[in-house]
């Protein structure tokens, strides 16, 4: 089940968030990000936060928000995270499908991912399956914890 997150979900979302960023290989957040920062990174007032729940356990989460303010707010931006122990079970796919429906329902015209790490092959392939196209590359746009500087992609899908 995918549902809107509540303040009661902070701890479970933090568990996912902290484990995903700890590797330093897919998200720009520092692996040293403090738990108190989950509010501004994942639960800010201008975001819609969702969780994927199965048998009472939160296994995934995503945010959707306007990519820009004012005259750029018709394009959405999303970020998705799946608990490391639950990866490979189709949860990311379900989160993506939910976000596409939510974006359309809320009158977004497109979704743009501003920074997809090029070495995150599973994410790049998943987004391509859903019709996202690479519309730009930032050379050395990410400091990968193990590989050093790697390229990042801007990916875009018209809804």
C-alpha atoms as a PDB file:
ATOM      1  CA  UNK A   1       0.000   0.000   0.000  1.00  0.00           C
ATOM      2  CA  UNK A   2       1.243   3.466  -0.867  1.00  0.00           C
ATOM      3  CA  UNK A   3      -0.119   6.256   1.278  1.00  0.00           C
ATOM      4  CA  UNK A   4       0.595   9.812   2.318  1.00  0.00           C
ATOM      5  CA  UNK A   5       3.245   9.911   5.036  1.00  0.00           C
ATOM      6  CA  UNK A   6       2.498  11.299   8.483  1.00  0.00           C
ATOM      7  CA  UNK A   7       4.698  12.528  11.317  1.00  0.00           C
ATOM      8  CA  UNK A   8       4.349   9.028  12.790  1.00  0.00           C
ATOM      9  CA  UNK A   9       6.372   7.765   9.802  1.00  0.00           C
ATOM     10  CA  UNK A  10       9.435   9.953  10.492  1.00  0.00           C
ATOM     11  CA  UNK A  11      11.377   7.211  12.274  1.00  0.00           C
ATOM     12  CA  UNK A  12      10.714   4.574   9.590  1.00  0.00           C
ATOM     13  CA  UNK A  13      11.506   7.026   6.783  1.00  0.00           C
ATOM     14  CA  UNK A  14      14.684   8.081   8.601  1.00  0.00           C
ATOM     15  CA  UNK A  15      15.734   4.416   8.799  1.00  0.00           C
ATOM     16  CA  UNK A  16      15.416   4.116   5.010  1.00  0.00           C
ATOM     17  CA  UNK A  17      16.896   7.549   4.284  1.00  0.00           C
ATOM     18  CA  UNK A  18      19.921   7.083   6.544  1.00  0.00           C
ATOM     19  CA  UNK A  19      20.755   3.629   5.155  1.00  0.00           C
ATOM     20  CA  UNK A  20      20.378   4.738   1.530  1.00  0.00           C
ATOM     21  CA  UNK A  21      22.586   7.828   1.913  1.00  0.00           C
ATOM     22  CA  UNK A  22      25.180   6.005   4.053  1.00  0.00           C
ATOM     23  CA  UNK A  23      26.683   4.409   0.949  1.00  0.00           C
ATOM     24  CA  UNK A  24      27.444   7.765  -0.670  1.00  0.00           C
ATOM     25  CA  UNK A  25      26.745   6.380  -4.129  1.00  0.00           C
ATOM     26  CA  UNK A  26      23.258   7.525  -5.192  1.00  0.00           C
ATOM     27  CA  UNK A  27      22.146  10.692  -3.367  1.00  0.00           C
ATOM     28  CA  UNK A  28      23.707  14.108  -2.827  1.00  0.00           C
ATOM     29  CA  UNK A  29      22.944  14.069   0.902  1.00  0.00           C
ATOM     30  CA  UNK A  30      26.031  13.668   3.062  1.00  0.00           C
ATOM     31  CA  UNK A  31      26.277  10.248   4.712  1.00  0.00           C
ATOM     32  CA  UNK A  32      26.694  12.280   7.934  1.00  0.00           C
ATOM     33  CA  UNK A  33      23.289  13.979   7.598  1.00  0.00           C
ATOM     34  CA  UNK A  34      21.679  14.367  11.031  1.00  0.00           C
ATOM     35  CA  UNK A  35      18.308  12.780  11.789  1.00  0.00           C
ATOM     36  CA  UNK A  36      16.810  16.199  12.549  1.00  0.00           C
ATOM     37  CA  UNK A  37      17.397  17.156   8.894  1.00  0.00           C
ATOM     38  CA  UNK A  38      14.816  14.635   7.639  1.00  0.00           C
ATOM     39  CA  UNK A  39      12.195  17.371   8.065  1.00  0.00           C
ATOM     40  CA  UNK A  40      13.785  19.719   5.536  1.00  0.00           C
ATOM     41  CA  UNK A  41      14.944  16.977   3.155  1.00  0.00           C
ATOM     42  CA  UNK A  42      11.866  14.743   3.079  1.00  0.00           C
ATOM     43  CA  UNK A  43       8.972  16.376   4.956  1.00  0.00           C
ATOM     44  CA  UNK A  44       9.083  20.068   4.047  1.00  0.00           C
ATOM     45  CA  UNK A  45       5.757  21.888   3.697  1.00  0.00           C
ATOM     46  CA  UNK A  46       6.097  22.280  -0.073  1.00  0.00           C
ATOM     47  CA  UNK A  47       6.569  18.520  -0.623  1.00  0.00           C
ATOM     48  CA  UNK A  48       4.164  15.633  -0.746  1.00  0.00           C
ATOM     49  CA  UNK A  49       5.694  12.635   0.987  1.00  0.00           C
ATOM     50  CA  UNK A  50       4.470   9.085   0.480  1.00  0.00           C
ATOM     51  CA  UNK A  51       5.407   5.735   1.985  1.00  0.00           C
ATOM     52  CA  UNK A  52       5.108   2.175   0.753  1.00  0.00           C
ATOM     53  CA  UNK A  53       3.837  -0.004   3.578  1.00  0.00           C
ATOM     54  CA  UNK A  54       3.616  -3.786   3.648  1.00  0.00           C
ATOM     55  CA  UNK A  55       2.457  -5.796   6.653  1.00  0.00           C
ATOM     56  CA  UNK A  56       2.799  -2.721   8.875  1.00  0.00           C
ATOM     57  CA  UNK A  57       6.403  -2.013   7.844  1.00  0.00           C
ATOM     58  CA  UNK A  58       7.526   0.992   5.790  1.00  0.00           C
ATOM     59  CA  UNK A  59       9.730  -0.354   2.973  1.00  0.00           C
ATOM     60  CA  UNK A  60       9.886   2.624   0.617  1.00  0.00           C
ATOM     61  CA  UNK A  61       9.218   6.327   0.344  1.00  0.00           C
ATOM     62  CA  UNK A  62       9.131   9.114  -2.182  1.00  0.00           C
ATOM     63  CA  UNK A  63       8.654  12.844  -2.365  1.00  0.00           C
ATOM     64  CA  UNK A  64       7.073  14.888  -5.103  1.00  0.00           C
ATOM     65  CA  UNK A  65       7.282  18.659  -5.301  1.00  0.00           C
ATOM     66  CA  UNK A  66       7.440  21.441  -7.865  1.00  0.00           C
ATOM     67  CA  UNK A  67      10.856  21.400  -9.540  1.00  0.00           C
ATOM     68  CA  UNK A  68      10.993  25.201  -9.341  1.00  0.00           C
ATOM     69  CA  UNK A  69       8.937  27.988  -7.795  1.00  0.00           C
ATOM     70  CA  UNK A  70       6.356  30.229  -9.454  1.00  0.00           C
ATOM     71  CA  UNK A  71       6.699  30.128 -13.251  1.00  0.00           C
ATOM     72  CA  UNK A  72       8.492  26.770 -13.142  1.00  0.00           C
ATOM     73  CA  UNK A  73       6.095  25.011 -10.784  1.00  0.00           C
ATOM     74  CA  UNK A  74       4.257  23.094 -13.524  1.00  0.00           C
ATOM     75  CA  UNK A  75       7.143  20.581 -13.692  1.00  0.00           C
ATOM     76  CA  UNK A  76       7.399  18.098 -10.812  1.00  0.00           C
ATOM     77  CA  UNK A  77      10.521  16.719  -9.189  1.00  0.00           C
ATOM     78  CA  UNK A  78      10.636  13.395  -7.347  1.00  0.00           C
ATOM     79  CA  UNK A  79      13.034  11.401  -5.209  1.00  0.00           C
ATOM     80  CA  UNK A  80      12.541   7.748  -4.322  1.00  0.00           C
ATOM     81  CA  UNK A  81      14.113   5.486  -1.702  1.00  0.00           C
ATOM     82  CA  UNK A  82      13.627   1.793  -0.975  1.00  0.00           C
ATOM     83  CA  UNK A  83      14.920   0.116   2.161  1.00  0.00           C
ATOM     84  CA  UNK A  84      18.108  -1.792   1.236  1.00  0.00           C
ATOM     85  CA  UNK A  85      16.597  -5.056   2.541  1.00  0.00           C
ATOM     86  CA  UNK A  86      13.582  -4.631   0.245  1.00  0.00           C
ATOM     87  CA  UNK A  87      15.316  -3.688  -2.991  1.00  0.00           C
ATOM     88  CA  UNK A  88      14.692  -5.816  -6.070  1.00  0.00           C
ATOM     89  CA  UNK A  89      11.058  -6.537  -5.152  1.00  0.00           C
ATOM     90  CA  UNK A  90       9.407  -3.992  -7.463  1.00  0.00           C
ATOM     91  CA  UNK A  91       8.809  -1.354  -4.817  1.00  0.00           C
ATOM     92  CA  UNK A  92      10.675   1.338  -6.793  1.00  0.00           C
ATOM     93  CA  UNK A  93       8.500   0.545  -9.794  1.00  0.00           C
ATOM     94  CA  UNK A  94       5.334   0.900  -7.718  1.00  0.00           C
ATOM     95  CA  UNK A  95       6.529   4.194  -6.239  1.00  0.00           C
ATOM     96  CA  UNK A  96       7.254   5.508  -9.749  1.00  0.00           C
ATOM     97  CA  UNK A  97       3.822   4.472 -11.033  1.00  0.00           C
ATOM     98  CA  UNK A  98       2.152   6.135  -8.049  1.00  0.00           C
ATOM     99  CA  UNK A  99       4.110   9.348  -8.557  1.00  0.00           C
ATOM    100  CA  UNK A 100       3.165   9.508 -12.241  1.00  0.00           C
ATOM    101  CA  UNK A 101      -0.528   9.233 -11.347  1.00  0.00           C
ATOM    102  CA  UNK A 102      -0.197  11.761  -8.525  1.00  0.00           C
ATOM    103  CA  UNK A 103       1.634  14.226 -10.777  1.00  0.00           C
ATOM    104  CA  UNK A 104      -1.036  14.004 -13.496  1.00  0.00           C
ATOM    105  CA  UNK A 105      -3.848  14.340 -10.970  1.00  0.00           C
ATOM    106  CA  UNK A 106      -2.169  17.449  -9.564  1.00  0.00           C
ATOM    107  CA  UNK A 107      -1.771  19.096 -12.981  1.00  0.00           C
ATOM    108  CA  UNK A 108       1.971  18.743 -13.397  1.00  0.00           C
ATOM    109  CA  UNK A 109       2.882  18.672 -17.089  1.00  0.00           C
ATOM    110  CA  UNK A 110       6.123  16.725 -16.694  1.00  0.00           C
ATOM    111  CA  UNK A 111       8.563  15.267 -14.169  1.00  0.00           C
ATOM    112  CA  UNK A 112      12.248  16.154 -14.107  1.00  0.00           C
ATOM    113  CA  UNK A 113      14.959  14.403 -12.140  1.00  0.00           C
ATOM    114  CA  UNK A 114      17.729  16.962 -11.678  1.00  0.00           C
ATOM    115  CA  UNK A 115      20.507  14.623 -10.638  1.00  0.00           C
ATOM    116  CA  UNK A 116      20.531  10.907 -11.378  1.00  0.00           C
ATOM    117  CA  UNK A 117      23.952   9.430 -10.705  1.00  0.00           C
ATOM    118  CA  UNK A 118      25.150   7.778 -13.914  1.00  0.00           C
ATOM    119  CA  UNK A 119      26.591   4.780 -12.063  1.00  0.00           C
ATOM    120  CA  UNK A 120      23.200   4.041 -10.482  1.00  0.00           C
ATOM    121  CA  UNK A 121      22.386   1.766 -13.417  1.00  0.00           C
ATOM    122  CA  UNK A 122      19.269   0.188 -11.898  1.00  0.00           C
ATOM    123  CA  UNK A 123      17.639   3.599 -11.348  1.00  0.00           C
ATOM    124  CA  UNK A 124      18.617   4.884 -14.808  1.00  0.00           C
ATOM    125  CA  UNK A 125      17.162   1.766 -16.447  1.00  0.00           C
ATOM    126  CA  UNK A 126      13.979   1.898 -14.365  1.00  0.00           C
ATOM    127  CA  UNK A 127      13.339   5.538 -15.262  1.00  0.00           C
ATOM    128  CA  UNK A 128      13.968   4.780 -18.936  1.00  0.00           C
ATOM    129  CA  UNK A 129      11.376   1.957 -18.773  1.00  0.00           C
ATOM    130  CA  UNK A 130       8.862   4.556 -17.619  1.00  0.00           C
ATOM    131  CA  UNK A 131       9.638   6.880 -20.498  1.00  0.00           C
ATOM    132  CA  UNK A 132      12.134   9.219 -18.886  1.00  0.00           C
ATOM    133  CA  UNK A 133      14.797  10.473 -21.273  1.00  0.00           C
ATOM    134  CA  UNK A 134      18.266  11.738 -20.475  1.00  0.00           C
ATOM    135  CA  UNK A 135      18.143  15.372 -21.581  1.00  0.00           C
ATOM    136  CA  UNK A 136      21.483  16.437 -20.176  1.00  0.00           C
ATOM    137  CA  UNK A 137      24.677  15.267 -18.545  1.00  0.00           C
ATOM    138  CA  UNK A 138      26.667  17.096 -15.906  1.00  0.00           C
ATOM    139  CA  UNK A 139      30.274  15.947 -16.243  1.00  0.00           C
ATOM    140  CA  UNK A 140      31.713  14.956 -12.846  1.00  0.00           C
ATOM    141  CA  UNK A 141      28.523  16.181 -11.161  1.00  0.00           C
ATOM    142  CA  UNK A 142      28.698  13.763  -8.222  1.00  0.00           C
ATOM    143  CA  UNK A 143      31.408  12.833  -5.733  1.00  0.00           C
ATOM    144  CA  UNK A 144      30.830   9.072  -5.529  1.00  0.00           C
ATOM    145  CA  UNK A 145      32.186   7.697  -2.268  1.00  0.00           C
ATOM    146  CA  UNK A 146      34.062   4.825  -3.973  1.00  0.00           C
ATOM    147  CA  UNK A 147      34.496   5.879  -7.612  1.00  0.00           C
ATOM    148  CA  UNK A 148      35.326   9.557  -7.178  1.00  0.00           C
ATOM    149  CA  UNK A 149      33.839  12.038  -9.633  1.00  0.00           C
ATOM    150  CA  UNK A 150      31.131  10.567 -11.879  1.00  0.00           C
ATOM    151  CA  UNK A 151      28.651  12.096 -14.308  1.00  0.00           C
ATOM    152  CA  UNK A 152      25.042  12.822 -13.456  1.00  0.00           C
ATOM    153  CA  UNK A 153      21.985  12.943 -15.684  1.00  0.00           C
ATOM    154  CA  UNK A 154      18.989  15.198 -15.939  1.00  0.00           C
ATOM    155  CA  UNK A 155      16.048  12.981 -16.839  1.00  0.00           C
ATOM    156  CA  UNK A 156      12.674  14.203 -18.079  1.00  0.00           C
ATOM    157  CA  UNK A 157       9.253  12.825 -18.909  1.00  0.00           C
ATOM    158  CA  UNK A 158       6.260  14.663 -20.348  1.00  0.00           C
ATOM    159  CA  UNK A 159       3.056  13.495 -18.668  1.00  0.00           C
END
